Amino acid sequence: MIISIVVYVISLLILYLIIETAVRNGINSSVIGEYLKKKHDEEEEREPDFDSDHHGT
């Protein structure tokens, strides 16, 4: 009984990993995924500089 539960949990974990990988690859290779990645990369390049003081104090 316990062995069957362990086998069931392991198979669900493997199935989860397979589906997660497939969805991630599908999203990354889609047109929208590429657009969002490009937009995210552009936002990282424009990170604000919090150390500079623009108020003149």
PDB file of N, CA and C in Angstrom:
ATOM      1  N   MET A   1       0.825  -1.193   0.000  1.00  0.00           N
ATOM      2  CA  MET A   1       0.000   0.000   0.000  1.00  0.00           C
ATOM      3  C   MET A   1       0.875   1.265   0.000  1.00  0.00           C
ATOM      4  N   ILE A   2       1.856   1.328   0.892  1.00  0.00           N
ATOM      5  CA  ILE A   2       2.725   2.504   0.980  1.00  0.00           C
ATOM      6  C   ILE A   2       3.590   2.617  -0.266  1.00  0.00           C
ATOM      7  N   ILE A   3       4.022   1.500  -0.796  1.00  0.00           N
ATOM      8  CA  ILE A   3       4.844   1.524  -2.019  1.00  0.00           C
ATOM      9  C   ILE A   3       4.054   2.106  -3.178  1.00  0.00           C
ATOM     10  N   SER A   4       2.787   1.764  -3.284  1.00  0.00           N
ATOM     11  CA  SER A   4       1.983   2.295  -4.381  1.00  0.00           C
ATOM     12  C   SER A   4       1.780   3.799  -4.239  1.00  0.00           C
ATOM     13  N   ILE A   5       1.650   4.290  -3.011  1.00  0.00           N
ATOM     14  CA  ILE A   5       1.514   5.731  -2.794  1.00  0.00           C
ATOM     15  C   ILE A   5       2.811   6.445  -3.172  1.00  0.00           C
ATOM     16  N   VAL A   6       3.945   5.877  -2.801  1.00  0.00           N
ATOM     17  CA  VAL A   6       5.236   6.474  -3.141  1.00  0.00           C
ATOM     18  C   VAL A   6       5.428   6.504  -4.656  1.00  0.00           C
ATOM     19  N   VAL A   7       5.099   5.429  -5.326  1.00  0.00           N
ATOM     20  CA  VAL A   7       5.215   5.378  -6.784  1.00  0.00           C
ATOM     21  C   VAL A   7       4.293   6.405  -7.424  1.00  0.00           C
ATOM     22  N   TYR A   8       3.089   6.565  -6.885  1.00  0.00           N
ATOM     23  CA  TYR A   8       2.124   7.527  -7.407  1.00  0.00           C
ATOM     24  C   TYR A   8       2.663   8.950  -7.253  1.00  0.00           C
ATOM     25  N   VAL A   9       3.213   9.275  -6.089  1.00  0.00           N
ATOM     26  CA  VAL A   9       3.745  10.612  -5.841  1.00  0.00           C
ATOM     27  C   VAL A   9       4.947  10.888  -6.746  1.00  0.00           C
ATOM     28  N   ILE A  10       5.825   9.926  -6.910  1.00  0.00           N
ATOM     29  CA  ILE A  10       6.997  10.097  -7.776  1.00  0.00           C
ATOM     30  C   ILE A  10       6.565  10.310  -9.218  1.00  0.00           C
ATOM     31  N   SER A  11       5.562   9.547  -9.676  1.00  0.00           N
ATOM     32  CA  SER A  11       5.109   9.729 -11.054  1.00  0.00           C
ATOM     33  C   SER A  11       4.447  11.084 -11.247  1.00  0.00           C
ATOM     34  N   LEU A  12       3.732  11.576 -10.238  1.00  0.00           N
ATOM     35  CA  LEU A  12       3.143  12.910 -10.357  1.00  0.00           C
ATOM     36  C   LEU A  12       4.234  13.979 -10.396  1.00  0.00           C
ATOM     37  N   LEU A  13       5.284  13.804  -9.625  1.00  0.00           N
ATOM     38  CA  LEU A  13       6.387  14.749  -9.631  1.00  0.00           C
ATOM     39  C   LEU A  13       7.081  14.782 -10.993  1.00  0.00           C
ATOM     40  N   ILE A  14       7.313  13.612 -11.572  1.00  0.00           N
ATOM     41  CA  ILE A  14       7.943  13.541 -12.898  1.00  0.00           C
ATOM     42  C   ILE A  14       7.039  14.181 -13.947  1.00  0.00           C
ATOM     43  N   LEU A  15       5.745  13.913 -13.876  1.00  0.00           N
ATOM     44  CA  LEU A  15       4.798  14.505 -14.817  1.00  0.00           C
ATOM     45  C   LEU A  15       4.772  16.020 -14.670  1.00  0.00           C
ATOM     46  N   TYR A  16       4.811  16.510 -13.438  1.00  0.00           N
ATOM     47  CA  TYR A  16       4.834  17.944 -13.195  1.00  0.00           C
ATOM     48  C   TYR A  16       6.070  18.583 -13.827  1.00  0.00           C
ATOM     49  N   LEU A  17       7.233  17.967 -13.639  1.00  0.00           N
ATOM     50  CA  LEU A  17       8.465  18.517 -14.203  1.00  0.00           C
ATOM     51  C   LEU A  17       8.429  18.534 -15.724  1.00  0.00           C
ATOM     52  N   ILE A  18       7.881  17.499 -16.325  1.00  0.00           N
ATOM     53  CA  ILE A  18       7.789  17.440 -17.783  1.00  0.00           C
ATOM     54  C   ILE A  18       6.858  18.533 -18.304  1.00  0.00           C
ATOM     55  N   ILE A  19       5.707  18.695 -17.676  1.00  0.00           N
ATOM     56  CA  ILE A  19       4.747  19.707 -18.128  1.00  0.00           C
ATOM     57  C   ILE A  19       5.311  21.109 -17.906  1.00  0.00           C
ATOM     58  N   GLU A  20       5.955  21.334 -16.767  1.00  0.00           N
ATOM     59  CA  GLU A  20       6.531  22.649 -16.490  1.00  0.00           C
ATOM     60  C   GLU A  20       7.588  23.017 -17.528  1.00  0.00           C
ATOM     61  N   THR A  21       8.443  22.081 -17.872  1.00  0.00           N
ATOM     62  CA  THR A  21       9.480  22.333 -18.866  1.00  0.00           C
ATOM     63  C   THR A  21       8.866  22.608 -20.239  1.00  0.00           C
ATOM     64  N   ALA A  22       7.856  21.840 -20.605  1.00  0.00           N
ATOM     65  CA  ALA A  22       7.220  22.029 -21.905  1.00  0.00           C
ATOM     66  C   ALA A  22       6.533  23.389 -21.991  1.00  0.00           C
ATOM     67  N   VAL A  23       5.846  23.784 -20.935  1.00  0.00           N
ATOM     68  CA  VAL A  23       5.158  25.076 -20.942  1.00  0.00           C
ATOM     69  C   VAL A  23       6.162  26.218 -20.971  1.00  0.00           C
ATOM     70  N   ARG A  24       7.219  26.112 -20.176  1.00  0.00           N
ATOM     71  CA  ARG A  24       8.231  27.173 -20.154  1.00  0.00           C
ATOM     72  C   ARG A  24       8.879  27.319 -21.526  1.00  0.00           C
ATOM     73  N   ASN A  25       9.241  26.207 -22.158  1.00  0.00           N
ATOM     74  CA  ASN A  25       9.848  26.271 -23.490  1.00  0.00           C
ATOM     75  C   ASN A  25       8.863  26.808 -24.510  1.00  0.00           C
ATOM     76  N   GLY A  26       7.608  26.425 -24.388  1.00  0.00           N
ATOM     77  CA  GLY A  26       6.588  26.914 -25.308  1.00  0.00           C
ATOM     78  C   GLY A  26       6.378  28.403 -25.195  1.00  0.00           C
ATOM     79  N   ILE A  27       6.348  28.909 -23.966  1.00  0.00           N
ATOM     80  CA  ILE A  27       6.152  30.340 -23.758  1.00  0.00           C
ATOM     81  C   ILE A  27       7.377  31.117 -24.230  1.00  0.00           C
ATOM     82  N   ASN A  28       8.568  30.619 -23.919  1.00  0.00           N
ATOM     83  CA  ASN A  28       9.781  31.331 -24.306  1.00  0.00           C
ATOM     84  C   ASN A  28       9.953  31.387 -25.813  1.00  0.00           C
ATOM     85  N   SER A  29       9.486  30.387 -26.530  1.00  0.00           N
ATOM     86  CA  SER A  29       9.661  30.378 -27.976  1.00  0.00           C
ATOM     87  C   SER A  29       8.490  31.017 -28.714  1.00  0.00           C
ATOM     88  N   SER A  30       7.457  31.434 -28.007  1.00  0.00           N
ATOM     89  CA  SER A  30       6.319  32.062 -28.670  1.00  0.00           C
ATOM     90  C   SER A  30       6.628  33.521 -28.976  1.00  0.00           C
ATOM     91  N   VAL A  31       5.825  34.125 -29.812  1.00  0.00           N
ATOM     92  CA  VAL A  31       6.026  35.517 -30.198  1.00  0.00           C
ATOM     93  C   VAL A  31       5.842  36.430 -28.988  1.00  0.00           C
ATOM     94  N   ILE A  32       4.816  36.170 -28.195  1.00  0.00           N
ATOM     95  CA  ILE A  32       4.561  37.000 -27.018  1.00  0.00           C
ATOM     96  C   ILE A  32       5.684  36.835 -26.000  1.00  0.00           C
ATOM     97  N   GLY A  33       6.170  35.609 -25.844  1.00  0.00           N
ATOM     98  CA  GLY A  33       7.269  35.369 -24.919  1.00  0.00           C
ATOM     99  C   GLY A  33       8.526  36.116 -25.317  1.00  0.00           C
ATOM    100  N   GLU A  34       8.827  36.130 -26.607  1.00  0.00           N
ATOM    101  CA  GLU A  34       9.999  36.862 -27.087  1.00  0.00           C
ATOM    102  C   GLU A  34       9.815  38.370 -26.896  1.00  0.00           C
ATOM    103  N   TYR A  35       8.593  38.873 -27.119  1.00  0.00           N
ATOM    104  CA  TYR A  35       8.314  40.297 -26.921  1.00  0.00           C
ATOM    105  C   TYR A  35       8.500  40.683 -25.447  1.00  0.00           C
ATOM    106  N   LEU A  36       7.944  39.861 -24.539  1.00  0.00           N
ATOM    107  CA  LEU A  36       8.060  40.164 -23.116  1.00  0.00           C
ATOM    108  C   LEU A  36       9.503  40.084 -22.638  1.00  0.00           C
ATOM    109  N   LYS A  37      10.249  39.142 -23.176  1.00  0.00           N
ATOM    110  CA  LYS A  37      11.659  39.019 -22.792  1.00  0.00           C
ATOM    111  C   LYS A  37      12.437  40.241 -23.259  1.00  0.00           C
ATOM    112  N   LYS A  38      12.175  40.696 -24.487  1.00  0.00           N
ATOM    113  CA  LYS A  38      12.862  41.876 -25.002  1.00  0.00           C
ATOM    114  C   LYS A  38      12.489  43.106 -24.178  1.00  0.00           C
ATOM    115  N   LYS A  39      11.219  43.238 -23.823  1.00  0.00           N
ATOM    116  CA  LYS A  39      10.765  44.377 -23.036  1.00  0.00           C
ATOM    117  C   LYS A  39      11.402  44.338 -21.641  1.00  0.00           C
ATOM    118  N   HIS A  40      11.486  43.158 -21.042  1.00  0.00           N
ATOM    119  CA  HIS A  40      12.093  43.018 -19.720  1.00  0.00           C
ATOM    120  C   HIS A  40      13.579  43.369 -19.760  1.00  0.00           C
ATOM    121  N   ASP A  41      14.264  42.944 -20.803  1.00  0.00           N
ATOM    122  CA  ASP A  41      15.686  43.262 -20.947  1.00  0.00           C
ATOM    123  C   ASP A  41      15.900  44.769 -21.095  1.00  0.00           C
ATOM    124  N   GLU A  42      15.009  45.440 -21.828  1.00  0.00           N
ATOM    125  CA  GLU A  42      15.123  46.879 -21.997  1.00  0.00           C
ATOM    126  C   GLU A  42      14.898  47.592 -20.672  1.00  0.00           C
ATOM    127  N   GLU A  43      13.965  47.109 -19.852  1.00  0.00           N
ATOM    128  CA  GLU A  43      13.703  47.740 -18.560  1.00  0.00           C
ATOM    129  C   GLU A  43      14.879  47.545 -17.612  1.00  0.00           C
ATOM    130  N   GLU A  44      15.568  46.409 -17.700  1.00  0.00           N
ATOM    131  CA  GLU A  44      16.732  46.194 -16.846  1.00  0.00           C
ATOM    132  C   GLU A  44      17.861  47.147 -17.215  1.00  0.00           C
ATOM    133  N   GLU A  45      17.977  47.497 -18.490  1.00  0.00           N
ATOM    134  CA  GLU A  45      19.019  48.420 -18.927  1.00  0.00           C
ATOM    135  C   GLU A  45      18.746  49.834 -18.423  1.00  0.00           C
ATOM    136  N   ARG A  46      17.486  50.171 -18.189  1.00  0.00           N
ATOM    137  CA  ARG A  46      17.117  51.518 -17.762  1.00  0.00           C
ATOM    138  C   ARG A  46      16.847  51.590 -16.261  1.00  0.00           C
ATOM    139  N   GLU A  47      17.492  50.773 -15.454  1.00  0.00           N
ATOM    140  CA  GLU A  47      17.266  50.808 -14.014  1.00  0.00           C
ATOM    141  C   GLU A  47      17.604  52.184 -13.475  1.00  0.00           C
ATOM    142  N   PRO A  48      16.744  52.727 -12.623  1.00  0.00           N
ATOM    143  CA  PRO A  48      17.022  54.059 -12.079  1.00  0.00           C
ATOM    144  C   PRO A  48      18.194  54.028 -11.117  1.00  0.00           C
ATOM    145  N   ASP A  49      18.890  55.123 -11.069  1.00  0.00           N
ATOM    146  CA  ASP A  49      20.038  55.248 -10.176  1.00  0.00           C
ATOM    147  C   ASP A  49      19.558  55.935  -8.893  1.00  0.00           C
ATOM    148  N   PHE A  50      19.371  55.163  -7.842  1.00  0.00           N
ATOM    149  CA  PHE A  50      18.853  55.699  -6.601  1.00  0.00           C
ATOM    150  C   PHE A  50      19.928  56.420  -5.786  1.00  0.00           C
ATOM    151  N   ASP A  51      21.192  56.266  -6.156  1.00  0.00           N
ATOM    152  CA  ASP A  51      22.260  56.916  -5.419  1.00  0.00           C
ATOM    153  C   ASP A  51      22.393  58.392  -5.790  1.00  0.00           C
ATOM    154  N   SER A  52      22.013  58.758  -6.983  1.00  0.00           N
ATOM    155  CA  SER A  52      22.150  60.150  -7.396  1.00  0.00           C
ATOM    156  C   SER A  52      21.002  60.964  -6.813  1.00  0.00           C
ATOM    157  N   ASP A  53      21.299  62.181  -6.461  1.00  0.00           N
ATOM    158  CA  ASP A  53      20.319  63.076  -5.865  1.00  0.00           C
ATOM    159  C   ASP A  53      19.948  64.143  -6.888  1.00  0.00           C
ATOM    160  N   HIS A  54      18.709  64.099  -7.366  1.00  0.00           N
ATOM    161  CA  HIS A  54      18.265  65.027  -8.402  1.00  0.00           C
ATOM    162  C   HIS A  54      17.589  66.253  -7.821  1.00  0.00           C
ATOM    163  N   HIS A  55      17.533  66.393  -6.491  1.00  0.00           N
ATOM    164  CA  HIS A  55      16.842  67.509  -5.881  1.00  0.00           C
ATOM    165  C   HIS A  55      17.777  68.632  -5.496  1.00  0.00           C
ATOM    166  N   GLY A  56      19.048  68.474  -5.699  1.00  0.00           N
ATOM    167  CA  GLY A  56      19.998  69.533  -5.436  1.00  0.00           C
ATOM    168  C   GLY A  56      20.284  69.774  -3.967  1.00  0.00           C
ATOM    169  N   THR A  57      20.074  68.836  -3.126  1.00  0.00           N
ATOM    170  CA  THR A  57      20.347  69.043  -1.697  1.00  0.00           C
ATOM    171  C   THR A  57      21.710  68.559  -1.326  1.00  0.00           C
TER     172      THR A  57
END
